[in-house]
Amino acid sequence: MKYKWVPNFLTSTRILLVPVFLYFLFADFSHGKLLALIVFIAAAVTDAYDGKIARKHNIVTKFGIFFDPLADKFLVLSAFYAFMFFPVLSTTVKLWMIILISFRDILVTLLRTIMQYKGITMITSKLGKVKTTLQLITIHLILIFLILKSYSVVILSDFLYNESLYFLMVITTLITFYTGVHYVYHNYKTLGNLFFNK
């Protein structure tokens, strides 16, 4: 198939871009944060297109089933964990938020992967897309804040920006965790049969 290699290539690229993103994010030179944002956007774009191409050409591979959702979580969680190392974000990104987001994303990814390997489709909802959109918006806005700080550009006071980002982080965390509860609740019969019935 002509395009069979493309989704897996994009997924692999997304994984490989994570350390590049982190390198620029923590780099001690003037344009590091800006380059980190560009790399993150590029990685997010690969996420949009690998699934789109796979669905359009009906491409399903074991590599894609396992690594596509894993790459998504690797990218997002790497960004959130990295933000905790910036003192300027100490009032914005809290450990409890990262723990809840990590727990939800890892749990749902594992359950979905196991179900797909068993030939079972997980019941999803539009909330999943809302969650992903919120996570990406939050990460982009935090990166923009770090870029502005690195260039000593003041648009809003640090207090207002941090308070706004904190509120967005709280909403993102709660929506993320809720979608995890939602997925487990709407798939509990299937999960019960999968794990407890022989």
N, C-alpha and C. Protein backbone atom coordinates (compact mmCIF):
# COMPACT_ATOMS: atom_id res chain seq x y z
N MET A 1 0.84 -1.19 0.00
CA MET A 1 0.00 0.00 0.00
C MET A 1 0.88 1.25 0.00
N LYS A 2 0.54 2.20 -0.85
CA LYS A 2 1.39 3.37 -1.08
C LYS A 2 1.67 4.18 0.18
N TYR A 3 0.66 4.39 1.01
CA TYR A 3 0.82 5.28 2.17
C TYR A 3 0.98 4.52 3.49
N LYS A 4 1.18 3.22 3.42
CA LYS A 4 1.18 2.42 4.64
C LYS A 4 2.24 2.86 5.65
N TRP A 5 3.38 3.31 5.16
CA TRP A 5 4.48 3.67 6.05
C TRP A 5 4.30 5.05 6.70
N VAL A 6 3.44 5.89 6.12
CA VAL A 6 3.36 7.29 6.55
C VAL A 6 2.89 7.45 8.00
N PRO A 7 1.76 6.84 8.42
CA PRO A 7 1.31 7.04 9.81
C PRO A 7 2.36 6.61 10.83
N ASN A 8 3.00 5.46 10.61
CA ASN A 8 4.02 5.00 11.55
C ASN A 8 5.23 5.92 11.56
N PHE A 9 5.57 6.47 10.40
CA PHE A 9 6.68 7.43 10.32
C PHE A 9 6.36 8.69 11.13
N LEU A 10 5.12 9.17 10.99
CA LEU A 10 4.72 10.37 11.73
C LEU A 10 4.69 10.12 13.23
N THR A 11 4.21 8.93 13.62
CA THR A 11 4.20 8.57 15.04
C THR A 11 5.61 8.51 15.59
N SER A 12 6.52 7.87 14.84
CA SER A 12 7.92 7.78 15.26
C SER A 12 8.55 9.16 15.36
N THR A 13 8.22 10.02 14.40
CA THR A 13 8.75 11.38 14.41
C THR A 13 8.30 12.13 15.66
N ARG A 14 7.03 11.94 16.04
CA ARG A 14 6.49 12.61 17.23
C ARG A 14 7.26 12.18 18.48
N ILE A 15 7.56 10.91 18.59
CA ILE A 15 8.32 10.41 19.73
C ILE A 15 9.73 11.01 19.75
N LEU A 16 10.36 11.05 18.59
CA LEU A 16 11.73 11.57 18.49
C LEU A 16 11.81 13.07 18.73
N LEU A 17 10.70 13.77 18.48
CA LEU A 17 10.69 15.22 18.68
C LEU A 17 10.59 15.61 20.16
N VAL A 18 10.16 14.68 21.00
CA VAL A 18 10.01 15.01 22.43
C VAL A 18 11.34 15.42 23.07
N PRO A 19 12.41 14.62 22.93
CA PRO A 19 13.68 15.08 23.52
C PRO A 19 14.20 16.37 22.89
N VAL A 20 13.91 16.59 21.62
CA VAL A 20 14.31 17.84 20.96
C VAL A 20 13.56 19.01 21.60
N PHE A 21 12.26 18.82 21.82
CA PHE A 21 11.43 19.83 22.48
C PHE A 21 11.98 20.15 23.87
N LEU A 22 12.29 19.11 24.64
CA LEU A 22 12.79 19.31 26.00
C LEU A 22 14.16 20.00 25.99
N TYR A 23 14.99 19.64 25.03
CA TYR A 23 16.31 20.28 24.93
C TYR A 23 16.16 21.79 24.74
N PHE A 24 15.34 22.19 23.80
CA PHE A 24 15.16 23.62 23.55
C PHE A 24 14.46 24.32 24.71
N LEU A 25 13.53 23.60 25.35
CA LEU A 25 12.79 24.20 26.47
C LEU A 25 13.74 24.59 27.61
N PHE A 26 14.73 23.73 27.87
CA PHE A 26 15.65 23.98 28.97
C PHE A 26 16.96 24.63 28.51
N ALA A 27 17.09 24.86 27.21
CA ALA A 27 18.33 25.43 26.68
C ALA A 27 18.55 26.85 27.20
N ASP A 28 19.80 27.16 27.46
CA ASP A 28 20.13 28.46 28.03
C ASP A 28 20.61 29.42 26.94
N PHE A 29 19.77 29.64 25.95
CA PHE A 29 20.08 30.68 24.95
C PHE A 29 18.78 31.38 24.55
N SER A 30 18.91 32.52 23.94
CA SER A 30 17.79 33.46 23.80
C SER A 30 16.56 32.92 23.09
N HIS A 31 16.74 32.10 22.09
CA HIS A 31 15.58 31.64 21.31
C HIS A 31 15.14 30.22 21.66
N GLY A 32 15.65 29.68 22.76
CA GLY A 32 15.35 28.30 23.12
C GLY A 32 13.87 28.02 23.30
N LYS A 33 13.18 28.88 24.05
CA LYS A 33 11.76 28.66 24.32
C LYS A 33 10.92 28.77 23.04
N LEU A 34 11.31 29.70 22.18
CA LEU A 34 10.60 29.85 20.90
C LEU A 34 10.77 28.61 20.04
N LEU A 35 11.98 28.08 19.99
CA LEU A 35 12.23 26.86 19.23
C LEU A 35 11.48 25.68 19.84
N ALA A 36 11.38 25.66 21.17
CA ALA A 36 10.62 24.60 21.84
C ALA A 36 9.16 24.63 21.40
N LEU A 37 8.59 25.83 21.32
CA LEU A 37 7.20 25.97 20.87
C LEU A 37 7.05 25.48 19.44
N ILE A 38 7.98 25.83 18.57
CA ILE A 38 7.91 25.41 17.16
C ILE A 38 7.98 23.89 17.06
N VAL A 39 8.88 23.28 17.83
CA VAL A 39 9.02 21.82 17.81
C VAL A 39 7.75 21.17 18.35
N PHE A 40 7.18 21.74 19.41
CA PHE A 40 5.95 21.16 19.98
C PHE A 40 4.81 21.23 18.97
N ILE A 41 4.69 22.35 18.28
CA ILE A 41 3.64 22.49 17.26
C ILE A 41 3.84 21.45 16.16
N ALA A 42 5.08 21.26 15.73
CA ALA A 42 5.38 20.26 14.70
C ALA A 42 4.98 18.87 15.16
N ALA A 43 5.29 18.55 16.42
CA ALA A 43 4.93 17.25 16.97
C ALA A 43 3.41 17.08 17.04
N ALA A 44 2.71 18.14 17.45
CA ALA A 44 1.25 18.09 17.53
C ALA A 44 0.62 17.90 16.15
N VAL A 45 1.23 18.50 15.14
CA VAL A 45 0.73 18.35 13.77
C VAL A 45 0.85 16.90 13.30
N THR A 46 1.94 16.23 13.67
CA THR A 46 2.09 14.82 13.28
C THR A 46 0.98 13.98 13.90
N ASP A 47 0.54 14.37 15.11
CA ASP A 47 -0.55 13.65 15.76
C ASP A 47 -1.84 13.79 14.97
N ALA A 48 -2.08 14.98 14.43
CA ALA A 48 -3.31 15.22 13.67
C ALA A 48 -3.31 14.43 12.36
N TYR A 49 -2.15 14.34 11.73
CA TYR A 49 -2.11 13.76 10.39
C TYR A 49 -1.90 12.25 10.37
N ASP A 50 -1.24 11.67 11.37
CA ASP A 50 -1.04 10.23 11.30
C ASP A 50 -2.37 9.49 11.40
N GLY A 51 -3.23 9.96 12.31
CA GLY A 51 -4.55 9.34 12.43
C GLY A 51 -5.43 9.59 11.23
N LYS A 52 -5.36 10.80 10.70
CA LYS A 52 -6.16 11.17 9.53
C LYS A 52 -5.80 10.31 8.32
N ILE A 53 -4.51 10.14 8.08
CA ILE A 53 -4.05 9.33 6.95
C ILE A 53 -4.39 7.86 7.16
N ALA A 54 -4.21 7.38 8.40
CA ALA A 54 -4.51 5.98 8.70
C ALA A 54 -5.98 5.67 8.47
N ARG A 55 -6.87 6.58 8.90
CA ARG A 55 -8.30 6.35 8.70
C ARG A 55 -8.68 6.45 7.23
N LYS A 56 -8.12 7.42 6.53
CA LYS A 56 -8.46 7.63 5.12
C LYS A 56 -8.10 6.42 4.27
N HIS A 57 -6.96 5.81 4.55
CA HIS A 57 -6.48 4.68 3.75
C HIS A 57 -6.65 3.34 4.46
N ASN A 58 -7.41 3.36 5.57
CA ASN A 58 -7.71 2.14 6.31
C ASN A 58 -6.44 1.37 6.67
N ILE A 59 -5.48 2.09 7.24
CA ILE A 59 -4.19 1.50 7.61
C ILE A 59 -4.20 1.18 9.10
N VAL A 60 -4.08 -0.10 9.43
CA VAL A 60 -4.03 -0.53 10.82
C VAL A 60 -2.80 -1.41 11.00
N THR A 61 -1.90 -1.01 11.90
CA THR A 61 -0.71 -1.80 12.18
C THR A 61 -0.57 -1.98 13.69
N LYS A 62 0.10 -3.05 14.09
CA LYS A 62 0.32 -3.27 15.52
C LYS A 62 1.18 -2.14 16.11
N PHE A 63 2.12 -1.66 15.31
CA PHE A 63 2.95 -0.54 15.75
C PHE A 63 2.09 0.68 16.04
N GLY A 64 1.19 0.99 15.12
CA GLY A 64 0.33 2.15 15.28
C GLY A 64 -0.61 2.02 16.46
N ILE A 65 -1.18 0.83 16.63
CA ILE A 65 -2.12 0.59 17.73
C ILE A 65 -1.45 0.87 19.07
N PHE A 66 -0.20 0.43 19.20
CA PHE A 66 0.50 0.58 20.48
C PHE A 66 1.15 1.95 20.64
N PHE A 67 1.87 2.38 19.61
CA PHE A 67 2.73 3.56 19.77
C PHE A 67 2.03 4.89 19.51
N ASP A 68 0.95 4.91 18.71
CA ASP A 68 0.29 6.19 18.43
C ASP A 68 -0.25 6.85 19.70
N PRO A 69 -1.08 6.15 20.49
CA PRO A 69 -1.56 6.78 21.73
C PRO A 69 -0.44 7.00 22.73
N LEU A 70 0.56 6.11 22.72
CA LEU A 70 1.69 6.26 23.63
C LEU A 70 2.49 7.52 23.30
N ALA A 71 2.67 7.78 22.01
CA ALA A 71 3.40 8.98 21.57
C ALA A 71 2.67 10.25 21.98
N ASP A 72 1.34 10.23 21.88
CA ASP A 72 0.53 11.39 22.28
C ASP A 72 0.75 11.72 23.75
N LYS A 73 0.65 10.69 24.58
CA LYS A 73 0.80 10.90 26.02
C LYS A 73 2.23 11.28 26.38
N PHE A 74 3.20 10.69 25.69
CA PHE A 74 4.61 11.01 25.92
C PHE A 74 4.87 12.49 25.68
N LEU A 75 4.30 13.01 24.61
CA LEU A 75 4.48 14.41 24.26
C LEU A 75 3.84 15.33 25.30
N VAL A 76 2.58 15.09 25.59
CA VAL A 76 1.82 15.96 26.50
C VAL A 76 2.37 15.89 27.93
N LEU A 77 2.59 14.67 28.42
CA LEU A 77 3.06 14.53 29.80
C LEU A 77 4.48 15.06 29.97
N SER A 78 5.31 14.92 28.95
CA SER A 78 6.67 15.47 29.01
C SER A 78 6.62 16.98 29.20
N ALA A 79 5.71 17.62 28.48
CA ALA A 79 5.58 19.07 28.60
C ALA A 79 5.11 19.46 30.00
N PHE A 80 4.08 18.80 30.50
CA PHE A 80 3.55 19.15 31.82
C PHE A 80 4.58 18.92 32.93
N TYR A 81 5.28 17.78 32.87
CA TYR A 81 6.30 17.50 33.88
C TYR A 81 7.44 18.52 33.79
N ALA A 82 7.81 18.88 32.57
CA ALA A 82 8.90 19.85 32.39
C ALA A 82 8.55 21.20 32.99
N PHE A 83 7.29 21.60 32.88
CA PHE A 83 6.87 22.90 33.39
C PHE A 83 7.08 23.02 34.90
N MET A 84 7.07 21.89 35.59
CA MET A 84 7.22 21.92 37.04
C MET A 84 8.62 22.35 37.47
N PHE A 85 9.57 22.32 36.54
CA PHE A 85 10.95 22.69 36.86
C PHE A 85 11.21 24.19 36.68
N PHE A 86 10.18 24.92 36.29
CA PHE A 86 10.35 26.37 36.10
C PHE A 86 9.76 27.11 37.30
N PRO A 87 10.61 27.77 38.08
CA PRO A 87 10.12 28.50 39.27
C PRO A 87 9.01 29.48 38.95
N VAL A 88 9.05 30.10 37.78
CA VAL A 88 8.04 31.09 37.41
C VAL A 88 6.65 30.46 37.27
N LEU A 89 6.61 29.13 37.15
CA LEU A 89 5.33 28.42 37.01
C LEU A 89 4.94 27.69 38.29
N SER A 90 5.63 27.98 39.38
CA SER A 90 5.40 27.25 40.63
C SER A 90 3.98 27.42 41.18
N THR A 91 3.35 28.54 40.84
CA THR A 91 1.97 28.76 41.31
C THR A 91 0.94 28.37 40.25
N THR A 92 1.43 27.87 39.12
CA THR A 92 0.54 27.56 38.00
C THR A 92 0.36 26.06 37.80
N VAL A 93 1.47 25.34 37.74
CA VAL A 93 1.46 23.90 37.49
C VAL A 93 1.77 23.18 38.79
N LYS A 94 0.78 22.47 39.31
CA LYS A 94 0.92 21.80 40.60
C LYS A 94 1.09 20.29 40.41
N LEU A 95 1.76 19.67 41.38
CA LEU A 95 2.02 18.23 41.30
C LEU A 95 0.74 17.43 41.24
N TRP A 96 -0.28 17.82 42.02
CA TRP A 96 -1.53 17.06 42.04
C TRP A 96 -2.19 17.04 40.67
N MET A 97 -2.03 18.13 39.92
CA MET A 97 -2.59 18.19 38.57
C MET A 97 -1.90 17.17 37.66
N ILE A 98 -0.57 17.15 37.72
CA ILE A 98 0.20 16.25 36.87
C ILE A 98 -0.09 14.80 37.21
N ILE A 99 -0.24 14.51 38.50
CA ILE A 99 -0.54 13.14 38.93
C ILE A 99 -1.89 12.69 38.37
N LEU A 100 -2.91 13.53 38.49
CA LEU A 100 -4.24 13.17 37.98
C LEU A 100 -4.23 13.00 36.46
N ILE A 101 -3.58 13.92 35.75
CA ILE A 101 -3.51 13.84 34.29
C ILE A 101 -2.75 12.58 33.87
N SER A 102 -1.64 12.30 34.55
CA SER A 102 -0.83 11.13 34.22
C SER A 102 -1.60 9.84 34.47
N PHE A 103 -2.26 9.77 35.63
CA PHE A 103 -3.01 8.57 35.98
C PHE A 103 -4.09 8.30 34.94
N ARG A 104 -4.83 9.32 34.57
CA ARG A 104 -5.90 9.15 33.60
C ARG A 104 -5.35 8.74 32.25
N ASP A 105 -4.36 9.45 31.76
CA ASP A 105 -3.86 9.20 30.41
C ASP A 105 -3.20 7.83 30.29
N ILE A 106 -2.42 7.45 31.29
CA ILE A 106 -1.76 6.14 31.26
C ILE A 106 -2.78 5.02 31.37
N LEU A 107 -3.74 5.17 32.29
CA LEU A 107 -4.77 4.13 32.48
C LEU A 107 -5.59 3.93 31.21
N VAL A 108 -6.13 5.00 30.65
CA VAL A 108 -6.97 4.89 29.46
C VAL A 108 -6.18 4.37 28.27
N THR A 109 -4.94 4.80 28.12
CA THR A 109 -4.11 4.32 27.02
C THR A 109 -3.86 2.83 27.13
N LEU A 110 -3.55 2.35 28.33
CA LEU A 110 -3.32 0.92 28.54
C LEU A 110 -4.58 0.11 28.26
N LEU A 111 -5.72 0.58 28.79
CA LEU A 111 -6.98 -0.13 28.58
C LEU A 111 -7.35 -0.17 27.10
N ARG A 112 -7.21 0.97 26.41
CA ARG A 112 -7.54 1.03 24.99
C ARG A 112 -6.64 0.10 24.18
N THR A 113 -5.36 0.08 24.51
CA THR A 113 -4.41 -0.76 23.78
C THR A 113 -4.73 -2.24 23.98
N ILE A 114 -5.02 -2.63 25.21
CA ILE A 114 -5.38 -4.02 25.50
C ILE A 114 -6.64 -4.41 24.75
N MET A 115 -7.64 -3.54 24.77
CA MET A 115 -8.90 -3.82 24.08
C MET A 115 -8.70 -3.93 22.57
N GLN A 116 -7.87 -3.06 22.01
CA GLN A 116 -7.62 -3.11 20.56
C GLN A 116 -6.92 -4.39 20.17
N TYR A 117 -5.98 -4.84 20.99
CA TYR A 117 -5.29 -6.10 20.70
C TYR A 117 -6.25 -7.29 20.78
N LYS A 118 -7.30 -7.14 21.58
CA LYS A 118 -8.31 -8.20 21.69
C LYS A 118 -9.41 -8.03 20.65
N GLY A 119 -9.28 -7.02 19.80
CA GLY A 119 -10.29 -6.79 18.77
C GLY A 119 -11.54 -6.11 19.27
N ILE A 120 -11.43 -5.43 20.41
CA ILE A 120 -12.58 -4.76 21.02
C ILE A 120 -12.40 -3.25 20.88
N THR A 121 -13.46 -2.57 20.50
CA THR A 121 -13.41 -1.12 20.35
C THR A 121 -13.89 -0.43 21.62
N MET A 122 -13.09 0.47 22.13
CA MET A 122 -13.48 1.22 23.33
C MET A 122 -14.53 2.26 22.97
N ILE A 123 -15.57 2.34 23.79
CA ILE A 123 -16.59 3.37 23.60
C ILE A 123 -15.98 4.72 23.99
N THR A 124 -16.00 5.65 23.06
CA THR A 124 -15.42 6.96 23.33
C THR A 124 -16.50 8.04 23.25
N SER A 125 -16.09 9.26 23.44
CA SER A 125 -17.03 10.38 23.34
C SER A 125 -16.30 11.61 22.84
N LYS A 126 -17.07 12.64 22.52
CA LYS A 126 -16.48 13.89 22.04
C LYS A 126 -15.68 14.58 23.14
N LEU A 127 -15.91 14.18 24.38
CA LEU A 127 -15.16 14.76 25.49
C LEU A 127 -13.67 14.50 25.35
N GLY A 128 -13.32 13.37 24.72
CA GLY A 128 -11.92 13.05 24.52
C GLY A 128 -11.22 14.10 23.68
N LYS A 129 -11.92 14.58 22.64
CA LYS A 129 -11.35 15.62 21.79
C LYS A 129 -11.28 16.95 22.53
N VAL A 130 -12.29 17.20 23.37
CA VAL A 130 -12.27 18.42 24.18
C VAL A 130 -11.06 18.39 25.11
N LYS A 131 -10.82 17.24 25.71
CA LYS A 131 -9.68 17.07 26.62
C LYS A 131 -8.37 17.33 25.90
N THR A 132 -8.20 16.72 24.74
CA THR A 132 -6.97 16.90 23.97
C THR A 132 -6.77 18.35 23.57
N THR A 133 -7.84 18.98 23.12
CA THR A 133 -7.77 20.39 22.72
C THR A 133 -7.38 21.28 23.89
N LEU A 134 -7.99 21.04 25.05
CA LEU A 134 -7.67 21.82 26.25
C LEU A 134 -6.21 21.64 26.66
N GLN A 135 -5.74 20.40 26.62
CA GLN A 135 -4.35 20.14 26.98
C GLN A 135 -3.39 20.89 26.06
N LEU A 136 -3.65 20.83 24.76
CA LEU A 136 -2.77 21.48 23.80
C LEU A 136 -2.81 23.00 23.94
N ILE A 137 -4.02 23.55 24.12
CA ILE A 137 -4.15 25.00 24.32
C ILE A 137 -3.37 25.44 25.56
N THR A 138 -3.53 24.69 26.64
CA THR A 138 -2.85 25.02 27.89
C THR A 138 -1.34 25.00 27.72
N ILE A 139 -0.83 23.95 27.09
CA ILE A 139 0.61 23.84 26.88
C ILE A 139 1.13 24.97 26.00
N HIS A 140 0.40 25.28 24.94
CA HIS A 140 0.82 26.37 24.05
C HIS A 140 0.85 27.71 24.78
N LEU A 141 -0.16 27.98 25.59
CA LEU A 141 -0.21 29.25 26.32
C LEU A 141 0.90 29.35 27.36
N ILE A 142 1.20 28.24 28.01
CA ILE A 142 2.30 28.24 28.98
C ILE A 142 3.63 28.47 28.27
N LEU A 143 3.80 27.84 27.12
CA LEU A 143 5.03 28.05 26.34
C LEU A 143 5.15 29.51 25.89
N ILE A 144 4.04 30.09 25.49
CA ILE A 144 4.06 31.50 25.08
C ILE A 144 4.45 32.39 26.26
N PHE A 145 3.92 32.06 27.44
CA PHE A 145 4.29 32.80 28.65
C PHE A 145 5.79 32.72 28.91
N LEU A 146 6.36 31.50 28.78
CA LEU A 146 7.79 31.32 28.99
C LEU A 146 8.61 32.07 27.94
N ILE A 147 8.10 32.11 26.71
CA ILE A 147 8.78 32.86 25.65
C ILE A 147 8.80 34.34 25.98
N LEU A 148 7.65 34.88 26.39
CA LEU A 148 7.57 36.29 26.74
C LEU A 148 8.53 36.62 27.89
N LYS A 149 8.59 35.72 28.87
CA LYS A 149 9.50 35.93 30.00
C LYS A 149 10.95 35.92 29.53
N SER A 150 11.27 35.01 28.60
CA SER A 150 12.66 34.90 28.13
C SER A 150 13.09 36.13 27.36
N TYR A 151 12.12 36.82 26.74
CA TYR A 151 12.43 38.05 26.00
C TYR A 151 12.14 39.31 26.82
N SER A 152 11.75 39.10 28.09
CA SER A 152 11.42 40.22 28.99
C SER A 152 10.31 41.10 28.42
N VAL A 153 9.35 40.45 27.78
CA VAL A 153 8.20 41.17 27.22
C VAL A 153 7.05 41.10 28.23
N VAL A 154 6.46 42.22 28.55
CA VAL A 154 5.37 42.28 29.52
C VAL A 154 4.08 42.67 28.80
N ILE A 155 3.11 41.75 28.81
CA ILE A 155 1.78 42.04 28.25
C ILE A 155 0.78 42.16 29.40
N LEU A 156 0.75 41.13 30.23
CA LEU A 156 -0.03 41.17 31.46
C LEU A 156 0.93 41.04 32.62
N SER A 157 0.50 41.39 33.79
CA SER A 157 1.35 41.18 34.96
C SER A 157 1.52 39.68 35.18
N ASP A 158 2.64 39.29 35.78
CA ASP A 158 2.88 37.88 36.06
C ASP A 158 1.74 37.29 36.88
N PHE A 159 1.21 38.08 37.81
CA PHE A 159 0.13 37.60 38.67
C PHE A 159 -1.10 37.24 37.83
N LEU A 160 -1.52 38.14 36.95
CA LEU A 160 -2.70 37.89 36.12
C LEU A 160 -2.48 36.71 35.19
N TYR A 161 -1.29 36.65 34.58
CA TYR A 161 -1.01 35.56 33.65
C TYR A 161 -0.98 34.24 34.40
N ASN A 162 -0.31 34.22 35.56
CA ASN A 162 -0.24 32.99 36.34
C ASN A 162 -1.60 32.55 36.84
N GLU A 163 -2.41 33.51 37.28
CA GLU A 163 -3.74 33.18 37.76
C GLU A 163 -4.61 32.62 36.63
N SER A 164 -4.49 33.21 35.46
CA SER A 164 -5.25 32.74 34.29
C SER A 164 -4.81 31.34 33.89
N LEU A 165 -3.50 31.12 33.87
CA LEU A 165 -2.97 29.81 33.50
C LEU A 165 -3.31 28.76 34.56
N TYR A 166 -3.31 29.18 35.83
CA TYR A 166 -3.67 28.25 36.90
C TYR A 166 -5.12 27.80 36.74
N PHE A 167 -6.00 28.75 36.48
CA PHE A 167 -7.42 28.42 36.26
C PHE A 167 -7.56 27.46 35.08
N LEU A 168 -6.83 27.72 34.00
CA LEU A 168 -6.89 26.85 32.82
C LEU A 168 -6.34 25.47 33.14
N MET A 169 -5.27 25.41 33.94
CA MET A 169 -4.71 24.12 34.34
C MET A 169 -5.70 23.32 35.18
N VAL A 170 -6.42 24.00 36.07
CA VAL A 170 -7.42 23.32 36.90
C VAL A 170 -8.52 22.74 36.02
N ILE A 171 -9.04 23.54 35.09
CA ILE A 171 -10.09 23.08 34.19
C ILE A 171 -9.59 21.91 33.35
N THR A 172 -8.39 22.03 32.81
CA THR A 172 -7.80 20.97 31.99
C THR A 172 -7.64 19.68 32.79
N THR A 173 -7.17 19.81 34.02
CA THR A 173 -6.97 18.64 34.87
C THR A 173 -8.30 17.95 35.18
N LEU A 174 -9.30 18.72 35.55
CA LEU A 174 -10.60 18.15 35.91
C LEU A 174 -11.28 17.50 34.71
N ILE A 175 -11.23 18.16 33.55
CA ILE A 175 -11.82 17.59 32.34
C ILE A 175 -11.08 16.31 31.95
N THR A 176 -9.76 16.34 32.05
CA THR A 176 -8.96 15.16 31.71
C THR A 176 -9.33 13.99 32.60
N PHE A 177 -9.38 14.23 33.91
CA PHE A 177 -9.70 13.15 34.84
C PHE A 177 -11.13 12.66 34.64
N TYR A 178 -12.05 13.59 34.39
CA TYR A 178 -13.45 13.21 34.18
C TYR A 178 -13.59 12.30 32.96
N THR A 179 -12.87 12.60 31.88
CA THR A 179 -12.98 11.74 30.69
C THR A 179 -12.48 10.33 30.99
N GLY A 180 -11.50 10.22 31.89
CA GLY A 180 -11.03 8.89 32.28
C GLY A 180 -12.12 8.12 33.00
N VAL A 181 -12.78 8.78 33.95
CA VAL A 181 -13.90 8.17 34.67
C VAL A 181 -15.01 7.81 33.68
N HIS A 182 -15.28 8.69 32.74
CA HIS A 182 -16.31 8.49 31.73
C HIS A 182 -16.02 7.25 30.89
N TYR A 183 -14.78 7.10 30.44
CA TYR A 183 -14.41 5.95 29.62
C TYR A 183 -14.55 4.64 30.39
N VAL A 184 -14.07 4.64 31.63
CA VAL A 184 -14.16 3.42 32.44
C VAL A 184 -15.62 3.08 32.71
N TYR A 185 -16.44 4.07 33.03
CA TYR A 185 -17.85 3.84 33.33
C TYR A 185 -18.59 3.26 32.13
N HIS A 186 -18.37 3.82 30.95
CA HIS A 186 -19.09 3.38 29.76
C HIS A 186 -18.51 2.10 29.14
N ASN A 187 -17.39 1.65 29.66
CA ASN A 187 -16.80 0.41 29.15
C ASN A 187 -16.65 -0.65 30.24
N TYR A 188 -17.31 -0.43 31.39
CA TYR A 188 -17.05 -1.30 32.52
C TYR A 188 -17.50 -2.74 32.27
N LYS A 189 -18.59 -2.93 31.52
CA LYS A 189 -19.04 -4.30 31.23
C LYS A 189 -18.02 -5.03 30.36
N THR A 190 -17.55 -4.34 29.33
CA THR A 190 -16.55 -4.93 28.45
C THR A 190 -15.26 -5.21 29.20
N LEU A 191 -14.85 -4.26 30.03
CA LEU A 191 -13.62 -4.43 30.81
C LEU A 191 -13.76 -5.57 31.81
N GLY A 192 -14.94 -5.69 32.41
CA GLY A 192 -15.19 -6.77 33.34
C GLY A 192 -15.09 -8.12 32.66
N ASN A 193 -15.71 -8.25 31.49
CA ASN A 193 -15.63 -9.51 30.73
C ASN A 193 -14.21 -9.80 30.29
N LEU A 194 -13.49 -8.75 29.95
CA LEU A 194 -12.13 -8.91 29.44
C LEU A 194 -11.17 -9.39 30.52
N PHE A 195 -11.31 -8.85 31.72
CA PHE A 195 -10.33 -9.14 32.77
C PHE A 195 -10.75 -10.23 33.75
N PHE A 196 -12.07 -10.45 33.89
CA PHE A 196 -12.51 -11.37 34.93
C PHE A 196 -13.19 -12.63 34.41
N ASN A 197 -13.59 -12.66 33.14
CA ASN A 197 -14.19 -13.85 32.56
C ASN A 197 -13.16 -14.64 31.78
N LYS A 198 -13.13 -15.90 31.97
CA LYS A 198 -12.19 -16.76 31.25
C LYS A 198 -12.86 -17.35 30.02
